[in-house]
Amino acid sequence: MHSPRAFPLGVAAPVGAPHVKVRRGCPPRARRPRPRICLRKGCNRQYLPTRWNQRYCHDPDCQREVRRWQAARRQAAHREDAAVRFRHAQAERERRQRAKVAPKPVEDVDLAPARGHAAENFFLFRSVIGQVAMKPRWRRSVIRHATVVRPAVAPFAMCWIENASGRSAAL
């Protein structure tokens, strides 16, 4: 046996394991998630997830569809509750009662807007009327011709004024 003074303070003993184990080598790298396939039906797009629990890609259309689907599932689960169904039925009964006693507005047939297929817009432009609306569109010719056109409007030499009876009034 050695005396305690055989090894000065701070010098390691020649035998035995050291108390502090030092790690050697490189520090471990951060794990990167591998590419996944989007789980939305019909998408099947490959993406790199940013979180460990991400199941859908970041495409805006895909996100919108997933949110719609999740909202529909939440709503369906909410509707299965008996208390919720009772409250909804009660509200519908009250709404029907209010609709019965509410005064009905009297519609004037001449002023009422058109309903059904009569309300559809048949013409491309609302301001175009008459033969102009029925003419085919004018197409420019490939060959350009130089033409001289007289003014379309001639200045008026005199003015005619008619009164309410249809007779011409004095100038």
N, C-alpha and C. Protein backbone atom coordinates (compact mmCIF):
# COMPACT_ATOMS: atom_id res chain seq x y z
N MET A 1 0.83 -1.17 0.00
CA MET A 1 0.00 0.00 0.00
C MET A 1 0.88 1.24 0.00
N HIS A 2 0.41 2.24 -0.74
CA HIS A 2 1.18 3.48 -0.83
C HIS A 2 0.70 4.46 0.22
N SER A 3 1.56 5.26 0.61
CA SER A 3 1.16 6.30 1.55
C SER A 3 0.42 7.40 0.79
N PRO A 4 -0.44 8.16 1.48
CA PRO A 4 -1.19 9.22 0.79
C PRO A 4 -0.27 10.26 0.19
N ARG A 5 0.96 10.37 0.67
CA ARG A 5 1.84 11.38 0.12
C ARG A 5 2.59 10.89 -1.09
N ALA A 6 2.38 9.63 -1.48
CA ALA A 6 3.11 9.07 -2.62
C ALA A 6 2.68 9.72 -3.91
N PHE A 7 1.42 10.11 -3.97
CA PHE A 7 0.90 10.80 -5.17
C PHE A 7 0.40 12.16 -4.75
N PRO A 8 1.07 13.21 -5.16
CA PRO A 8 0.65 14.56 -4.76
C PRO A 8 -0.75 14.89 -5.27
N LEU A 9 -1.34 15.89 -4.66
CA LEU A 9 -2.71 16.31 -5.00
C LEU A 9 -2.78 16.78 -6.45
N GLY A 10 -3.75 16.30 -7.21
CA GLY A 10 -3.90 16.71 -8.61
C GLY A 10 -3.29 15.75 -9.60
N VAL A 11 -2.46 14.81 -9.13
CA VAL A 11 -1.85 13.84 -10.04
C VAL A 11 -2.68 12.58 -9.98
N ALA A 12 -3.03 12.04 -11.14
CA ALA A 12 -3.89 10.86 -11.20
C ALA A 12 -3.10 9.62 -10.80
N ALA A 13 -3.81 8.68 -10.18
CA ALA A 13 -3.18 7.42 -9.78
C ALA A 13 -2.91 6.60 -11.04
N PRO A 14 -1.89 5.79 -11.02
CA PRO A 14 -1.57 5.03 -12.22
C PRO A 14 -2.57 3.90 -12.52
N VAL A 15 -3.42 3.54 -11.60
CA VAL A 15 -4.39 2.46 -11.82
C VAL A 15 -5.80 2.96 -11.57
N GLY A 16 -6.80 2.25 -12.10
CA GLY A 16 -8.21 2.59 -11.88
C GLY A 16 -8.75 3.51 -12.96
N ALA A 17 -10.07 3.56 -13.02
CA ALA A 17 -10.74 4.39 -14.02
C ALA A 17 -10.87 5.82 -13.51
N PRO A 18 -10.73 6.80 -14.39
CA PRO A 18 -10.91 8.19 -13.94
C PRO A 18 -12.37 8.45 -13.59
N HIS A 19 -12.60 9.36 -12.66
CA HIS A 19 -13.97 9.65 -12.24
C HIS A 19 -14.75 10.43 -13.29
N VAL A 20 -14.14 11.34 -14.00
CA VAL A 20 -14.81 12.16 -15.02
C VAL A 20 -14.49 11.57 -16.38
N LYS A 21 -15.57 11.13 -17.07
CA LYS A 21 -15.36 10.57 -18.40
C LYS A 21 -15.54 11.68 -19.43
N VAL A 22 -14.57 11.84 -20.29
CA VAL A 22 -14.60 12.88 -21.33
C VAL A 22 -15.05 12.25 -22.64
N ARG A 23 -16.06 12.89 -23.30
CA ARG A 23 -16.53 12.37 -24.59
C ARG A 23 -15.57 12.80 -25.68
N ARG A 24 -15.28 11.89 -26.52
CA ARG A 24 -14.39 12.19 -27.61
C ARG A 24 -15.18 12.14 -28.92
N GLY A 25 -14.75 12.84 -29.94
CA GLY A 25 -15.40 12.81 -31.25
C GLY A 25 -16.30 14.03 -31.47
N CYS A 26 -17.06 13.98 -32.54
CA CYS A 26 -17.90 15.10 -32.94
C CYS A 26 -19.21 15.09 -32.15
N PRO A 27 -19.78 16.25 -31.92
CA PRO A 27 -21.09 16.28 -31.28
C PRO A 27 -22.15 15.74 -32.26
N PRO A 28 -23.21 15.16 -31.76
CA PRO A 28 -24.21 14.59 -32.67
C PRO A 28 -24.92 15.69 -33.46
N ARG A 29 -25.19 15.41 -34.75
CA ARG A 29 -25.88 16.39 -35.60
C ARG A 29 -27.38 16.36 -35.31
N ALA A 30 -28.01 17.48 -35.59
CA ALA A 30 -29.46 17.55 -35.41
C ALA A 30 -30.12 16.66 -36.47
N ARG A 31 -31.13 15.88 -36.05
CA ARG A 31 -31.79 14.98 -37.00
C ARG A 31 -32.69 15.77 -37.91
N ARG A 32 -32.60 15.51 -39.19
CA ARG A 32 -33.49 16.14 -40.15
C ARG A 32 -34.60 15.16 -40.49
N PRO A 33 -35.85 15.65 -40.52
CA PRO A 33 -36.93 14.73 -40.89
C PRO A 33 -36.83 14.38 -42.37
N ARG A 34 -37.11 13.14 -42.66
CA ARG A 34 -37.03 12.71 -44.06
C ARG A 34 -38.27 13.18 -44.81
N PRO A 35 -38.19 13.25 -46.13
CA PRO A 35 -39.36 13.69 -46.91
C PRO A 35 -40.55 12.76 -46.69
N ARG A 36 -41.74 13.35 -46.64
CA ARG A 36 -42.97 12.59 -46.46
C ARG A 36 -43.90 12.83 -47.62
N ILE A 37 -44.94 12.01 -47.69
CA ILE A 37 -45.98 12.16 -48.71
C ILE A 37 -47.22 12.69 -48.03
N CYS A 38 -47.82 13.71 -48.62
CA CYS A 38 -49.02 14.35 -48.05
C CYS A 38 -50.15 13.32 -47.95
N LEU A 39 -50.83 13.30 -46.80
CA LEU A 39 -51.86 12.30 -46.55
C LEU A 39 -53.24 12.70 -47.05
N ARG A 40 -53.39 13.92 -47.61
CA ARG A 40 -54.69 14.31 -48.12
C ARG A 40 -55.00 13.50 -49.37
N LYS A 41 -56.26 13.04 -49.47
CA LYS A 41 -56.66 12.21 -50.60
C LYS A 41 -56.55 13.02 -51.89
N GLY A 42 -55.84 12.48 -52.87
CA GLY A 42 -55.70 13.14 -54.15
C GLY A 42 -54.49 14.04 -54.25
N CYS A 43 -53.78 14.29 -53.17
CA CYS A 43 -52.61 15.18 -53.22
C CYS A 43 -51.34 14.39 -53.54
N ASN A 44 -50.95 13.49 -52.64
CA ASN A 44 -49.77 12.63 -52.82
C ASN A 44 -48.51 13.40 -53.17
N ARG A 45 -48.39 14.66 -52.72
CA ARG A 45 -47.22 15.47 -52.98
C ARG A 45 -46.16 15.17 -51.94
N GLN A 46 -44.89 15.16 -52.35
CA GLN A 46 -43.81 14.91 -51.42
C GLN A 46 -43.34 16.25 -50.85
N TYR A 47 -43.11 16.31 -49.53
CA TYR A 47 -42.73 17.56 -48.89
C TYR A 47 -41.79 17.27 -47.74
N LEU A 48 -41.06 18.31 -47.29
CA LEU A 48 -40.20 18.19 -46.12
C LEU A 48 -40.95 18.77 -44.93
N PRO A 49 -41.28 17.97 -43.93
CA PRO A 49 -42.04 18.50 -42.78
C PRO A 49 -41.19 19.44 -41.95
N THR A 50 -41.82 20.46 -41.40
CA THR A 50 -41.12 21.39 -40.52
C THR A 50 -41.30 21.01 -39.06
N ARG A 51 -42.28 20.15 -38.77
CA ARG A 51 -42.52 19.67 -37.40
C ARG A 51 -42.66 18.15 -37.43
N TRP A 52 -42.49 17.53 -36.28
CA TRP A 52 -42.53 16.07 -36.22
C TRP A 52 -43.93 15.53 -36.49
N ASN A 53 -44.99 16.32 -36.19
CA ASN A 53 -46.35 15.80 -36.33
C ASN A 53 -47.07 16.35 -37.57
N GLN A 54 -46.33 16.88 -38.52
CA GLN A 54 -46.95 17.45 -39.72
C GLN A 54 -47.32 16.32 -40.69
N ARG A 55 -48.59 16.31 -41.11
CA ARG A 55 -49.06 15.23 -41.97
C ARG A 55 -49.46 15.69 -43.37
N TYR A 56 -49.58 17.01 -43.56
CA TYR A 56 -50.04 17.54 -44.84
C TYR A 56 -49.03 18.57 -45.35
N CYS A 57 -48.95 18.71 -46.67
CA CYS A 57 -48.00 19.65 -47.27
C CYS A 57 -48.48 21.08 -47.06
N HIS A 58 -47.66 22.06 -47.44
CA HIS A 58 -47.98 23.46 -47.22
C HIS A 58 -48.62 24.12 -48.43
N ASP A 59 -49.10 23.36 -49.38
CA ASP A 59 -49.79 23.92 -50.54
C ASP A 59 -51.08 24.60 -50.06
N PRO A 60 -51.37 25.85 -50.48
CA PRO A 60 -52.57 26.54 -49.98
C PRO A 60 -53.87 25.81 -50.28
N ASP A 61 -53.97 25.20 -51.47
CA ASP A 61 -55.19 24.46 -51.80
C ASP A 61 -55.35 23.26 -50.88
N CYS A 62 -54.25 22.58 -50.63
CA CYS A 62 -54.27 21.40 -49.76
C CYS A 62 -54.66 21.82 -48.33
N GLN A 63 -54.06 22.91 -47.85
CA GLN A 63 -54.37 23.39 -46.50
C GLN A 63 -55.85 23.76 -46.37
N ARG A 64 -56.40 24.43 -47.43
CA ARG A 64 -57.81 24.83 -47.40
C ARG A 64 -58.72 23.62 -47.33
N GLU A 65 -58.41 22.60 -48.15
CA GLU A 65 -59.24 21.39 -48.16
C GLU A 65 -59.16 20.66 -46.82
N VAL A 66 -57.97 20.59 -46.24
CA VAL A 66 -57.80 19.90 -44.95
C VAL A 66 -58.58 20.64 -43.87
N ARG A 67 -58.52 21.99 -43.88
CA ARG A 67 -59.25 22.77 -42.88
C ARG A 67 -60.77 22.56 -43.03
N ARG A 68 -61.25 22.51 -44.29
CA ARG A 68 -62.68 22.26 -44.53
C ARG A 68 -63.08 20.90 -43.99
N TRP A 69 -62.25 19.90 -44.25
CA TRP A 69 -62.55 18.53 -43.83
C TRP A 69 -62.56 18.44 -42.30
N GLN A 70 -61.57 19.09 -41.67
CA GLN A 70 -61.50 19.06 -40.21
C GLN A 70 -62.70 19.78 -39.58
N ALA A 71 -63.11 20.89 -40.19
CA ALA A 71 -64.27 21.63 -39.66
C ALA A 71 -65.54 20.80 -39.80
N ALA A 72 -65.67 20.08 -40.93
CA ALA A 72 -66.85 19.23 -41.12
C ALA A 72 -66.88 18.11 -40.08
N ARG A 73 -65.73 17.53 -39.79
CA ARG A 73 -65.67 16.48 -38.76
C ARG A 73 -66.02 17.02 -37.38
N ARG A 74 -65.49 18.22 -37.05
CA ARG A 74 -65.81 18.84 -35.76
C ARG A 74 -67.30 19.11 -35.65
N GLN A 75 -67.88 19.63 -36.73
CA GLN A 75 -69.30 19.97 -36.72
C GLN A 75 -70.16 18.71 -36.58
N ALA A 76 -69.77 17.64 -37.28
CA ALA A 76 -70.53 16.39 -37.19
C ALA A 76 -70.46 15.82 -35.78
N ALA A 77 -69.29 15.88 -35.17
CA ALA A 77 -69.15 15.38 -33.80
C ALA A 77 -69.96 16.25 -32.83
N HIS A 78 -70.00 17.55 -33.10
CA HIS A 78 -70.76 18.47 -32.24
C HIS A 78 -72.26 18.17 -32.35
N ARG A 79 -72.73 17.87 -33.57
CA ARG A 79 -74.16 17.62 -33.79
C ARG A 79 -74.64 16.32 -33.17
N GLU A 80 -73.72 15.39 -32.87
CA GLU A 80 -74.13 14.12 -32.28
C GLU A 80 -74.56 14.26 -30.83
N ASP A 81 -74.22 15.37 -30.19
CA ASP A 81 -74.61 15.60 -28.81
C ASP A 81 -76.12 15.85 -28.74
N ALA A 82 -76.83 15.17 -27.81
CA ALA A 82 -78.29 15.27 -27.71
C ALA A 82 -78.73 16.67 -27.31
N ALA A 83 -77.98 17.32 -26.44
CA ALA A 83 -78.35 18.67 -26.00
C ALA A 83 -78.26 19.67 -27.16
N VAL A 84 -77.25 19.50 -28.00
CA VAL A 84 -77.09 20.38 -29.16
C VAL A 84 -78.24 20.18 -30.14
N ARG A 85 -78.61 18.93 -30.37
CA ARG A 85 -79.73 18.65 -31.29
C ARG A 85 -81.02 19.25 -30.75
N PHE A 86 -81.24 19.17 -29.44
CA PHE A 86 -82.45 19.73 -28.85
C PHE A 86 -82.48 21.25 -29.00
N ARG A 87 -81.34 21.92 -28.74
CA ARG A 87 -81.29 23.38 -28.89
C ARG A 87 -81.54 23.81 -30.33
N HIS A 88 -80.99 23.07 -31.29
CA HIS A 88 -81.19 23.39 -32.71
C HIS A 88 -82.66 23.24 -33.10
N ALA A 89 -83.30 22.15 -32.67
CA ALA A 89 -84.71 21.93 -32.98
C ALA A 89 -85.57 23.03 -32.38
N GLN A 90 -85.26 23.43 -31.15
CA GLN A 90 -86.00 24.51 -30.49
C GLN A 90 -85.86 25.82 -31.27
N ALA A 91 -84.65 26.15 -31.70
CA ALA A 91 -84.42 27.38 -32.46
C ALA A 91 -85.17 27.35 -33.79
N GLU A 92 -85.20 26.18 -34.45
CA GLU A 92 -85.92 26.07 -35.72
C GLU A 92 -87.42 26.25 -35.53
N ARG A 93 -87.98 25.70 -34.44
CA ARG A 93 -89.42 25.88 -34.15
C ARG A 93 -89.74 27.35 -33.95
N GLU A 94 -88.88 28.04 -33.20
CA GLU A 94 -89.10 29.47 -32.96
C GLU A 94 -89.00 30.27 -34.26
N ARG A 95 -88.06 29.90 -35.12
CA ARG A 95 -87.91 30.61 -36.40
C ARG A 95 -89.14 30.42 -37.27
N ARG A 96 -89.69 29.20 -37.31
CA ARG A 96 -90.89 28.95 -38.12
C ARG A 96 -92.09 29.73 -37.57
N GLN A 97 -92.19 29.84 -36.24
CA GLN A 97 -93.27 30.62 -35.63
C GLN A 97 -93.16 32.09 -36.01
N ARG A 98 -91.94 32.62 -35.95
CA ARG A 98 -91.74 34.03 -36.32
C ARG A 98 -92.08 34.26 -37.79
N ALA A 99 -91.76 33.29 -38.66
CA ALA A 99 -92.04 33.44 -40.09
C ALA A 99 -93.55 33.44 -40.34
N LYS A 100 -94.32 32.71 -39.54
CA LYS A 100 -95.77 32.66 -39.72
C LYS A 100 -96.41 34.01 -39.40
N VAL A 101 -96.00 34.63 -38.31
CA VAL A 101 -96.65 35.86 -37.87
C VAL A 101 -96.06 37.11 -38.50
N ALA A 102 -94.93 37.02 -39.17
CA ALA A 102 -94.31 38.19 -39.79
C ALA A 102 -95.18 38.67 -40.94
N PRO A 103 -95.35 40.00 -41.09
CA PRO A 103 -96.16 40.52 -42.21
C PRO A 103 -95.44 40.29 -43.53
N LYS A 104 -96.19 39.81 -44.50
CA LYS A 104 -95.62 39.54 -45.83
C LYS A 104 -95.64 40.83 -46.65
N PRO A 105 -94.54 41.20 -47.28
CA PRO A 105 -94.54 42.40 -48.10
C PRO A 105 -95.35 42.16 -49.38
N VAL A 106 -96.19 43.14 -49.74
CA VAL A 106 -97.00 43.03 -50.95
C VAL A 106 -96.14 43.47 -52.12
N GLU A 107 -95.97 42.56 -53.07
CA GLU A 107 -95.12 42.86 -54.22
C GLU A 107 -95.95 43.43 -55.35
N ASP A 108 -95.47 44.53 -55.91
CA ASP A 108 -96.07 45.08 -57.12
C ASP A 108 -95.42 44.36 -58.29
N VAL A 109 -96.24 43.73 -59.13
CA VAL A 109 -95.71 42.91 -60.21
C VAL A 109 -94.90 43.75 -61.19
N ASP A 110 -95.32 45.00 -61.39
CA ASP A 110 -94.60 45.85 -62.35
C ASP A 110 -93.21 46.24 -61.84
N LEU A 111 -93.06 46.38 -60.51
CA LEU A 111 -91.79 46.83 -59.96
C LEU A 111 -90.91 45.69 -59.45
N ALA A 112 -91.46 44.50 -59.31
CA ALA A 112 -90.69 43.38 -58.77
C ALA A 112 -89.62 42.95 -59.77
N PRO A 113 -88.42 42.63 -59.29
CA PRO A 113 -87.37 42.17 -60.21
C PRO A 113 -87.70 40.78 -60.74
N ALA A 114 -87.15 40.48 -61.91
CA ALA A 114 -87.41 39.18 -62.54
C ALA A 114 -86.77 38.08 -61.72
N ARG A 115 -87.42 36.89 -61.70
CA ARG A 115 -86.90 35.74 -60.98
C ARG A 115 -86.69 34.59 -61.95
N GLY A 116 -85.88 33.63 -61.52
CA GLY A 116 -85.66 32.42 -62.32
C GLY A 116 -84.84 32.71 -63.57
N HIS A 117 -85.19 32.03 -64.68
CA HIS A 117 -84.39 32.19 -65.90
C HIS A 117 -84.59 33.55 -66.54
N ALA A 118 -85.68 34.26 -66.18
CA ALA A 118 -85.91 35.59 -66.74
C ALA A 118 -84.91 36.59 -66.18
N ALA A 119 -84.31 36.30 -65.04
CA ALA A 119 -83.35 37.22 -64.44
C ALA A 119 -81.97 37.09 -65.05
N GLU A 120 -81.75 36.06 -65.87
CA GLU A 120 -80.42 35.87 -66.45
C GLU A 120 -80.14 36.95 -67.47
N ASN A 121 -78.87 37.27 -67.63
CA ASN A 121 -78.46 38.29 -68.57
C ASN A 121 -78.16 37.61 -69.91
N PHE A 122 -78.94 37.91 -70.93
CA PHE A 122 -78.76 37.25 -72.21
C PHE A 122 -77.74 37.95 -73.09
N PHE A 123 -77.58 39.25 -72.92
CA PHE A 123 -76.69 40.00 -73.80
C PHE A 123 -75.35 40.22 -73.12
N LEU A 124 -74.32 40.30 -73.93
CA LEU A 124 -72.97 40.47 -73.42
C LEU A 124 -72.80 41.83 -72.75
N PHE A 125 -73.30 42.89 -73.40
CA PHE A 125 -73.20 44.24 -72.86
C PHE A 125 -74.60 44.76 -72.60
N ARG A 126 -74.81 45.36 -71.45
CA ARG A 126 -76.15 45.84 -71.11
C ARG A 126 -76.52 47.09 -71.89
N SER A 127 -75.53 47.94 -72.21
CA SER A 127 -75.83 49.21 -72.83
C SER A 127 -76.12 49.09 -74.33
N VAL A 128 -75.77 47.97 -74.95
CA VAL A 128 -75.96 47.81 -76.39
C VAL A 128 -77.37 47.30 -76.64
N ILE A 129 -78.11 48.01 -77.50
CA ILE A 129 -79.48 47.60 -77.82
C ILE A 129 -79.69 47.66 -79.32
N GLY A 130 -80.72 47.01 -79.77
CA GLY A 130 -81.11 47.07 -81.19
C GLY A 130 -80.22 46.25 -82.08
N GLN A 131 -80.10 46.71 -83.35
CA GLN A 131 -79.35 45.95 -84.35
C GLN A 131 -77.86 45.87 -84.04
N VAL A 132 -77.37 46.85 -83.33
CA VAL A 132 -75.94 46.87 -83.02
C VAL A 132 -75.58 45.63 -82.21
N ALA A 133 -76.47 45.18 -81.32
CA ALA A 133 -76.19 44.01 -80.49
C ALA A 133 -76.21 42.73 -81.31
N MET A 134 -76.93 42.71 -82.41
CA MET A 134 -77.06 41.50 -83.20
C MET A 134 -76.00 41.37 -84.29
N LYS A 135 -75.31 42.45 -84.64
CA LYS A 135 -74.32 42.41 -85.72
C LYS A 135 -73.11 41.60 -85.29
N PRO A 136 -72.48 40.89 -86.23
CA PRO A 136 -71.23 40.18 -85.86
C PRO A 136 -70.13 41.19 -85.59
N ARG A 137 -69.15 40.79 -84.84
CA ARG A 137 -68.06 41.69 -84.51
C ARG A 137 -67.27 42.04 -85.75
N TRP A 138 -66.84 43.30 -85.82
CA TRP A 138 -66.07 43.79 -86.96
C TRP A 138 -64.63 43.34 -86.82
N ARG A 139 -64.09 42.80 -87.88
CA ARG A 139 -62.69 42.36 -87.87
C ARG A 139 -61.87 43.22 -88.82
N ARG A 140 -60.68 43.56 -88.39
CA ARG A 140 -59.82 44.41 -89.20
C ARG A 140 -59.20 43.59 -90.33
N SER A 141 -59.14 44.17 -91.49
CA SER A 141 -58.55 43.50 -92.64
C SER A 141 -57.04 43.50 -92.50
N VAL A 142 -56.42 42.51 -93.13
CA VAL A 142 -54.96 42.44 -93.10
C VAL A 142 -54.39 43.56 -93.94
N ILE A 143 -55.03 43.86 -95.10
CA ILE A 143 -54.58 44.94 -95.98
C ILE A 143 -55.27 46.22 -95.54
N ARG A 144 -54.49 47.25 -95.32
CA ARG A 144 -55.06 48.52 -94.90
C ARG A 144 -55.32 49.40 -96.11
N HIS A 145 -56.52 49.93 -96.18
CA HIS A 145 -56.89 50.84 -97.27
C HIS A 145 -57.01 52.24 -96.72
N ALA A 146 -56.51 53.18 -97.45
CA ALA A 146 -56.65 54.58 -97.05
C ALA A 146 -57.96 55.10 -97.63
N THR A 147 -58.85 55.54 -96.78
CA THR A 147 -60.13 56.07 -97.25
C THR A 147 -60.36 57.44 -96.65
N VAL A 148 -61.08 58.25 -97.41
CA VAL A 148 -61.43 59.58 -96.94
C VAL A 148 -62.93 59.58 -96.72
N VAL A 149 -63.36 59.97 -95.53
CA VAL A 149 -64.77 59.93 -95.18
C VAL A 149 -65.22 61.35 -94.86
N ARG A 150 -66.40 61.71 -95.38
CA ARG A 150 -66.97 63.02 -95.06
C ARG A 150 -67.45 63.02 -93.61
N PRO A 151 -67.58 64.16 -93.01
CA PRO A 151 -68.12 64.20 -91.65
C PRO A 151 -69.51 63.60 -91.61
N ALA A 152 -69.80 62.83 -90.58
CA ALA A 152 -71.07 62.12 -90.48
C ALA A 152 -72.21 63.06 -90.12
N VAL A 153 -71.93 64.17 -89.43
CA VAL A 153 -72.98 65.07 -88.97
C VAL A 153 -72.86 66.39 -89.71
N ALA A 154 -73.95 66.79 -90.35
CA ALA A 154 -73.96 68.09 -91.01
C ALA A 154 -74.48 69.12 -90.02
N PRO A 155 -73.94 70.32 -90.02
CA PRO A 155 -74.44 71.33 -89.09
C PRO A 155 -75.87 71.71 -89.44
N PHE A 156 -76.67 72.00 -88.39
CA PHE A 156 -78.07 72.38 -88.61
C PHE A 156 -78.15 73.83 -89.08
N ALA A 157 -78.99 74.02 -90.08
CA ALA A 157 -79.20 75.38 -90.59
C ALA A 157 -80.26 76.09 -89.77
N MET A 158 -81.26 75.36 -89.35
CA MET A 158 -82.32 75.96 -88.55
C MET A 158 -82.81 74.96 -87.52
N CYS A 159 -83.52 75.45 -86.55
CA CYS A 159 -83.97 74.63 -85.45
C CYS A 159 -85.49 74.60 -85.43
N TRP A 160 -86.07 73.43 -85.29
CA TRP A 160 -87.52 73.30 -85.17
C TRP A 160 -87.87 72.99 -83.74
N ILE A 161 -88.81 73.71 -83.18
CA ILE A 161 -89.26 73.47 -81.82
C ILE A 161 -90.73 73.15 -81.88
N GLU A 162 -91.14 72.06 -81.24
CA GLU A 162 -92.55 71.69 -81.22
C GLU A 162 -93.06 71.83 -79.81
N ASN A 163 -94.32 72.24 -79.65
CA ASN A 163 -94.90 72.33 -78.34
C ASN A 163 -95.65 71.04 -78.01
N ALA A 164 -96.35 70.99 -76.91
CA ALA A 164 -96.99 69.77 -76.44
C ALA A 164 -98.08 69.28 -77.38
N SER A 165 -98.73 70.17 -78.13
CA SER A 165 -99.81 69.74 -79.04
C SER A 165 -99.28 69.11 -80.30
N GLY A 166 -97.97 69.23 -80.58
CA GLY A 166 -97.40 68.63 -81.77
C GLY A 166 -97.21 69.63 -82.87
N ARG A 167 -97.72 70.85 -82.75
CA ARG A 167 -97.56 71.88 -83.75
C ARG A 167 -96.24 72.59 -83.55
N SER A 168 -95.70 73.07 -84.65
CA SER A 168 -94.41 73.76 -84.52
C SER A 168 -94.61 75.12 -83.88
N ALA A 169 -93.71 75.49 -83.03
CA ALA A 169 -93.77 76.78 -82.34
C ALA A 169 -93.00 77.81 -83.13
N ALA A 170 -93.22 79.06 -82.83
CA ALA A 170 -92.53 80.14 -83.52
C ALA A 170 -91.08 80.18 -83.04
N LEU A 171 -90.18 80.56 -83.96
CA LEU A 171 -88.78 80.66 -83.62
C LEU A 171 -88.51 81.89 -82.79
